[in-house]
Amino acid sequence: MAGNFWQSSHSQQWILDKQDLLRERQHDLLSLNEDEYQKVFIFFANVIQVLGEQLKLRQQVIATATVYFKRFYARNSLKNIDPLLLAPTCILLASKVEEFGVISNSRLISICQSAIKTKFSYAYTQEFPYRTNHILECEFYLLENLDCCLIVYQPYRPLLQLVQDMGQEDQLLTLSWRIVNDSLRTDVCLLYPPYQIAIACLQIACVILQKDSTKQWFAELNVDLDKVQEIVRAIVNLYEMWKDWKEKDEIQMLLSKIPKPKPPPQR
C-alpha cells in the first residue's frame, strides 16, 4: 500500500474530472435525469450500507465498497451490470482488500436474500435473483474495470487528525463522521482528495453545532478553500434533496427506468 496518498493509484488515477464524469454518464442520462440518477445511487449506497451492517463489517469496509461501486459506474453504463449484483460484489471485494476476513459466499447470498425481502421489499417485488457463481464472475469484471487499483483512502483518518488538532470534543467528531458517511451518497469521493472531504464535513458540523470559535482555525488551513466549498455545496444539496424525497414511493419507478442489459440473441 502506498504510504502517501499523493503517490497512490487513488490520487493518480481515481480523482476524476467532473466534465469527464458527466460525459461518461450521457448514455444513462437518456433514461434518467440527473436528480433521478443521483437518487438511484443513493438507494444503492443504502443497500451496501444495510448489507455491510448485517454482515457486521467496519464502516471503512462499507465505505470502500461504496467507492468501488461508484468508480465502476463512473466508467460504465448502468446497463453493463445490474447494480443489485454489483453491490454485494463490491462488499465481497472490499472485505478482502480491507483485510476484514473472508465472507463466506453462502452467507453473503443469504444476507442479500433476507435484506431484499425484509428491508427493501418496497423496491423489489421478487427475490434476490443471483447466486455465488454470478458474484464471482462479476468480481473479475469489477477488478478489471478498477484496473486493480484497490486501495481507497477514506476521509476518516484525516478527520480524526483534524478534530484532534482543533482540540474539540467527541460531539463534533461524531457528527462530522456521520456527514462523511453521508458524503458517500454524492460524487465527492470521485472528484476530491479525502483530506478536502474531511475538512468540508468538519466545516458543516461546526456550522450545525454553532461553533463560531473555529472560524479562525479554518482560515489558517493551508488548503484550497474553493474546492472545500464545492464539496460543502454537494453535501448540502444532498440534504436538500433528501428532505423532499419520498424514496419508498418513487424507487420502483426509478429502478424500472434504469437501462437494462440486452438479452443474448436466441439461437
Protein backbone atom coordinates (compact mmCIF):
# COMPACT_ATOMS: atom_id res chain seq x y z
CA MET A 1 0.00 0.00 0.00
CA ALA A 2 1.32 3.44 -0.86
CA GLY A 3 2.07 5.18 2.43
CA ASN A 4 1.44 8.53 0.80
CA PHE A 5 -1.91 9.44 -0.76
CA TRP A 6 -0.23 11.58 -3.46
CA GLN A 7 1.79 8.58 -4.72
CA SER A 8 -1.19 6.23 -4.67
CA SER A 9 -3.36 4.99 -7.56
CA HIS A 10 -6.28 6.72 -5.80
CA SER A 11 -4.58 10.09 -6.30
CA GLN A 12 -3.07 9.45 -9.71
CA GLN A 13 -5.91 7.56 -11.44
CA TRP A 14 -9.10 7.98 -9.47
CA ILE A 15 -9.55 11.69 -8.79
CA LEU A 16 -11.75 12.33 -11.81
CA ASP A 17 -12.77 15.46 -13.67
CA LYS A 18 -16.42 16.49 -13.34
CA GLN A 19 -16.85 17.02 -17.08
CA ASP A 20 -15.42 13.57 -17.85
CA LEU A 21 -17.80 12.07 -15.30
CA LEU A 22 -20.82 13.75 -16.91
CA ARG A 23 -19.68 12.68 -20.38
CA GLU A 24 -19.43 9.02 -19.26
CA ARG A 25 -22.99 9.24 -17.91
CA GLN A 26 -24.58 10.56 -21.07
CA HIS A 27 -25.99 7.19 -22.08
CA ASP A 28 -27.70 6.69 -18.70
CA LEU A 29 -28.92 10.29 -18.65
CA LEU A 30 -31.04 9.49 -21.72
CA SER A 31 -33.18 7.27 -19.44
CA LEU A 32 -32.87 9.16 -16.14
CA ASN A 33 -32.45 12.86 -15.41
CA GLU A 34 -29.56 13.94 -13.13
CA ASP A 35 -31.69 14.00 -9.96
CA GLU A 36 -33.10 10.55 -10.70
CA TYR A 37 -29.60 9.22 -11.43
CA GLN A 38 -28.39 10.52 -8.07
CA LYS A 39 -31.41 9.00 -6.29
CA VAL A 40 -30.63 5.59 -7.79
CA PHE A 41 -27.08 5.84 -6.43
CA ILE A 42 -28.32 6.99 -3.01
CA PHE A 43 -30.56 3.92 -2.93
CA PHE A 44 -27.72 1.51 -3.77
CA ALA A 45 -25.39 3.20 -1.27
CA ASN A 46 -28.13 2.43 1.28
CA VAL A 47 -28.27 -1.18 0.05
CA ILE A 48 -24.48 -1.52 0.52
CA GLN A 49 -24.75 0.07 3.99
CA VAL A 50 -27.51 -2.33 5.10
CA LEU A 51 -25.72 -5.41 3.71
CA GLY A 52 -22.48 -4.28 5.38
CA GLU A 53 -24.17 -3.73 8.74
CA GLN A 54 -25.89 -7.12 8.60
CA LEU A 55 -22.52 -8.73 7.82
CA LYS A 56 -21.09 -6.76 10.80
CA LEU A 57 -18.44 -5.05 8.66
CA ARG A 58 -16.48 -1.99 9.82
CA GLN A 59 -17.58 1.35 8.33
CA GLN A 60 -14.23 1.58 6.47
CA VAL A 61 -15.09 -1.64 4.56
CA ILE A 62 -18.59 -0.37 3.71
CA ALA A 63 -17.15 2.96 2.53
CA THR A 64 -14.58 1.21 0.31
CA ALA A 65 -17.32 -0.99 -1.20
CA THR A 66 -19.39 2.14 -1.94
CA VAL A 67 -16.41 3.82 -3.65
CA TYR A 68 -15.81 0.71 -5.79
CA PHE A 69 -19.48 0.79 -6.80
CA LYS A 70 -19.28 4.47 -7.79
CA ARG A 71 -15.96 4.01 -9.62
CA PHE A 72 -17.37 1.17 -11.70
CA TYR A 73 -20.31 3.25 -12.92
CA ALA A 74 -18.06 6.28 -13.43
CA ARG A 75 -16.64 4.30 -16.37
CA ASN A 76 -19.63 2.13 -17.30
CA SER A 77 -23.32 2.45 -18.03
CA LEU A 78 -25.87 1.05 -15.59
CA LYS A 79 -26.86 -1.39 -18.34
CA ASN A 80 -23.45 -3.13 -18.21
CA ILE A 81 -24.11 -4.86 -14.86
CA ASP A 82 -27.25 -4.90 -12.73
CA PRO A 83 -26.46 -2.68 -9.70
CA LEU A 84 -28.18 -5.25 -7.47
CA LEU A 85 -25.46 -7.74 -8.48
CA LEU A 86 -22.59 -5.24 -8.29
CA ALA A 87 -23.47 -4.06 -4.73
CA PRO A 88 -22.72 -7.40 -2.95
CA THR A 89 -19.75 -7.98 -5.28
CA CYS A 90 -18.21 -4.67 -4.12
CA ILE A 91 -18.74 -5.73 -0.49
CA LEU A 92 -17.03 -9.08 -1.11
CA LEU A 93 -14.00 -7.41 -2.74
CA ALA A 94 -13.75 -4.60 -0.16
CA SER A 95 -13.79 -7.08 2.73
CA LYS A 96 -10.74 -8.81 1.20
CA VAL A 97 -8.84 -5.60 0.43
CA GLU A 98 -9.52 -4.05 3.84
CA GLU A 99 -8.38 -7.35 5.42
CA PHE A 100 -11.64 -7.77 7.25
CA GLY A 101 -11.57 -11.51 6.70
CA VAL A 102 -13.29 -13.71 4.16
CA ILE A 103 -17.07 -13.53 3.97
CA SER A 104 -18.44 -16.94 3.04
CA ASN A 105 -20.27 -16.81 -0.28
CA SER A 106 -23.31 -18.66 1.07
CA ARG A 107 -23.61 -16.17 3.97
CA LEU A 108 -23.38 -13.21 1.58
CA ILE A 109 -26.14 -14.65 -0.62
CA SER A 110 -28.42 -15.43 2.33
CA ILE A 111 -27.94 -11.90 3.78
CA CYS A 112 -28.76 -10.43 0.33
CA GLN A 113 -31.91 -12.58 0.12
CA SER A 114 -33.13 -11.62 3.60
CA ALA A 115 -32.27 -7.89 3.17
CA ILE A 116 -34.17 -7.65 -0.13
CA LYS A 117 -37.14 -9.44 1.42
CA THR A 118 -37.23 -7.51 4.73
CA LYS A 119 -35.52 -4.14 4.25
CA PHE A 120 -36.09 -3.41 0.56
CA SER A 121 -39.40 -5.10 -0.22
CA TYR A 122 -40.74 -1.64 -1.15
CA ALA A 123 -38.26 -1.60 -4.07
CA TYR A 124 -38.21 -5.24 -5.19
CA THR A 125 -41.24 -7.46 -5.53
CA GLN A 126 -39.18 -10.54 -6.46
CA GLU A 127 -36.49 -12.42 -4.54
CA PHE A 128 -32.74 -11.70 -4.87
CA PRO A 129 -32.04 -13.47 -8.19
CA TYR A 130 -28.24 -14.03 -8.04
CA ARG A 131 -26.10 -16.92 -6.83
CA THR A 132 -22.43 -17.38 -5.89
CA ASN A 133 -21.27 -18.02 -9.47
CA HIS A 134 -22.77 -14.69 -10.61
CA ILE A 135 -20.95 -12.77 -7.85
CA LEU A 136 -17.59 -14.47 -8.53
CA GLU A 137 -17.88 -13.76 -12.26
CA CYS A 138 -18.86 -10.16 -11.52
CA GLU A 139 -15.84 -9.80 -9.21
CA PHE A 140 -13.44 -10.45 -12.12
CA TYR A 141 -15.23 -7.84 -14.22
CA LEU A 142 -15.10 -5.35 -11.33
CA LEU A 143 -11.35 -5.94 -10.78
CA GLU A 144 -10.70 -5.39 -14.48
CA ASN A 145 -12.68 -2.14 -14.52
CA LEU A 146 -11.00 -0.80 -11.38
CA ASP A 147 -7.70 -1.52 -13.14
CA CYS A 148 -6.74 -3.40 -9.96
CA CYS A 149 -6.48 -0.04 -8.13
CA LEU A 150 -7.97 -1.34 -4.90
CA ILE A 151 -6.51 0.84 -2.13
CA VAL A 152 -9.00 3.57 -1.28
CA TYR A 153 -8.02 6.42 1.04
CA GLN A 154 -11.03 7.48 3.11
CA PRO A 155 -11.66 10.82 4.90
CA TYR A 156 -11.96 9.13 8.33
CA ARG A 157 -8.25 9.21 9.26
CA PRO A 158 -7.63 12.87 8.28
CA LEU A 159 -10.89 13.73 10.08
CA LEU A 160 -9.59 12.22 13.33
CA GLN A 161 -6.34 14.19 12.99
CA LEU A 162 -8.18 17.46 12.22
CA VAL A 163 -10.54 17.17 15.19
CA GLN A 164 -7.57 16.36 17.43
CA ASP A 165 -5.68 19.38 16.09
CA MET A 166 -8.72 21.57 16.67
CA GLY A 167 -8.90 20.37 20.28
CA GLN A 168 -12.65 19.75 20.07
CA GLU A 169 -14.82 17.20 21.85
CA ASP A 170 -16.46 13.93 20.78
CA GLN A 171 -19.77 15.52 19.72
CA LEU A 172 -18.05 17.25 16.80
CA LEU A 173 -16.25 14.07 15.72
CA THR A 174 -19.47 12.02 15.88
CA LEU A 175 -21.41 14.48 13.71
CA SER A 176 -18.54 15.00 11.22
CA TRP A 177 -18.15 11.21 10.91
CA ARG A 178 -21.85 10.86 10.06
CA ILE A 179 -21.52 13.62 7.44
CA VAL A 180 -18.55 11.76 5.89
CA ASN A 181 -20.80 8.67 5.69
CA ASP A 182 -23.49 10.80 4.00
CA SER A 183 -20.94 12.21 1.53
CA LEU A 184 -20.71 8.69 0.02
CA ARG A 185 -24.17 9.39 -1.45
CA THR A 186 -22.65 12.17 -3.60
CA ASP A 187 -19.88 12.19 -6.23
CA VAL A 188 -17.31 13.88 -3.97
CA CYS A 189 -15.36 10.63 -3.37
CA LEU A 190 -14.70 10.52 -7.16
CA LEU A 191 -13.73 14.19 -7.53
CA TYR A 192 -11.74 15.32 -4.47
CA PRO A 193 -8.93 14.06 -2.21
CA PRO A 194 -10.12 12.61 1.12
CA TYR A 195 -8.50 15.31 3.30
CA GLN A 196 -10.55 18.01 1.50
CA ILE A 197 -13.72 15.96 2.07
CA ALA A 198 -12.81 15.65 5.76
CA ILE A 199 -12.37 19.44 6.08
CA ALA A 200 -15.70 20.11 4.32
CA CYS A 201 -17.57 17.66 6.58
CA LEU A 202 -15.94 19.20 9.65
CA GLN A 203 -16.95 22.67 8.48
CA ILE A 204 -20.61 21.61 8.03
CA ALA A 205 -20.57 20.03 11.50
CA CYS A 206 -19.15 23.23 13.05
CA VAL A 207 -21.95 25.28 11.43
CA ILE A 208 -24.65 22.84 12.68
CA LEU A 209 -23.19 22.89 16.22
CA GLN A 210 -22.71 26.70 16.01
CA LYS A 211 -19.01 26.56 16.82
CA ASP A 212 -18.11 30.10 15.74
CA SER A 213 -14.81 29.91 17.60
CA THR A 214 -13.44 27.54 14.92
CA LYS A 215 -13.59 30.14 12.10
CA GLN A 216 -10.00 31.29 12.71
CA TRP A 217 -8.78 27.69 12.72
CA PHE A 218 -10.34 27.09 9.25
CA ALA A 219 -8.94 30.41 7.95
CA GLU A 220 -5.41 29.31 8.84
CA LEU A 221 -5.61 25.97 7.00
CA ASN A 222 -3.30 25.66 4.00
CA VAL A 223 -5.95 24.23 1.69
CA ASP A 224 -7.84 25.16 -1.48
CA LEU A 225 -10.96 26.62 0.16
CA ASP A 226 -12.79 26.88 -3.20
CA LYS A 227 -12.61 23.09 -3.52
CA VAL A 228 -13.75 22.67 0.09
CA GLN A 229 -16.76 24.91 -0.62
CA GLU A 230 -17.63 22.84 -3.73
CA ILE A 231 -17.73 19.73 -1.51
CA VAL A 232 -19.84 21.57 1.11
CA ARG A 233 -22.31 22.56 -1.64
CA ALA A 234 -22.55 18.99 -2.94
CA ILE A 235 -23.33 17.64 0.55
CA VAL A 236 -25.81 20.45 1.36
CA ASN A 237 -27.55 19.76 -1.99
CA LEU A 238 -27.83 16.11 -0.95
CA TYR A 239 -29.55 17.13 2.30
CA GLU A 240 -31.90 19.43 0.37
CA MET A 241 -32.85 16.55 -1.95
CA TRP A 242 -33.31 14.15 0.98
CA LYS A 243 -35.77 16.49 2.67
CA ASP A 244 -38.32 16.16 -0.15
CA TRP A 245 -37.56 12.69 -1.48
CA LYS A 246 -40.16 10.01 -0.73
CA GLU A 247 -37.91 7.07 -1.53
CA LYS A 248 -40.45 4.33 -0.79
CA ASP A 249 -42.97 5.87 -3.19
CA GLU A 250 -40.54 6.59 -6.04
CA ILE A 251 -37.85 3.93 -6.10
CA GLN A 252 -39.73 1.20 -8.03
CA MET A 253 -40.43 3.68 -10.82
CA LEU A 254 -36.76 4.81 -10.86
CA LEU A 255 -35.42 1.24 -10.91
CA SER A 256 -37.72 0.42 -13.82
CA LYS A 257 -36.17 3.31 -15.81
CA ILE A 258 -32.58 2.05 -15.40
CA PRO A 259 -31.21 0.90 -18.79
CA LYS A 260 -31.11 -2.92 -18.76
CA PRO A 261 -28.55 -5.27 -20.35
CA LYS A 262 -29.65 -6.57 -23.74
CA PRO A 263 -30.58 -10.27 -23.50
CA PRO A 264 -28.31 -12.58 -25.55
CA PRO A 265 -29.67 -13.42 -29.03
CA GLN A 266 -31.84 -16.55 -29.21
CA ARG A 267 -30.13 -19.38 -31.03
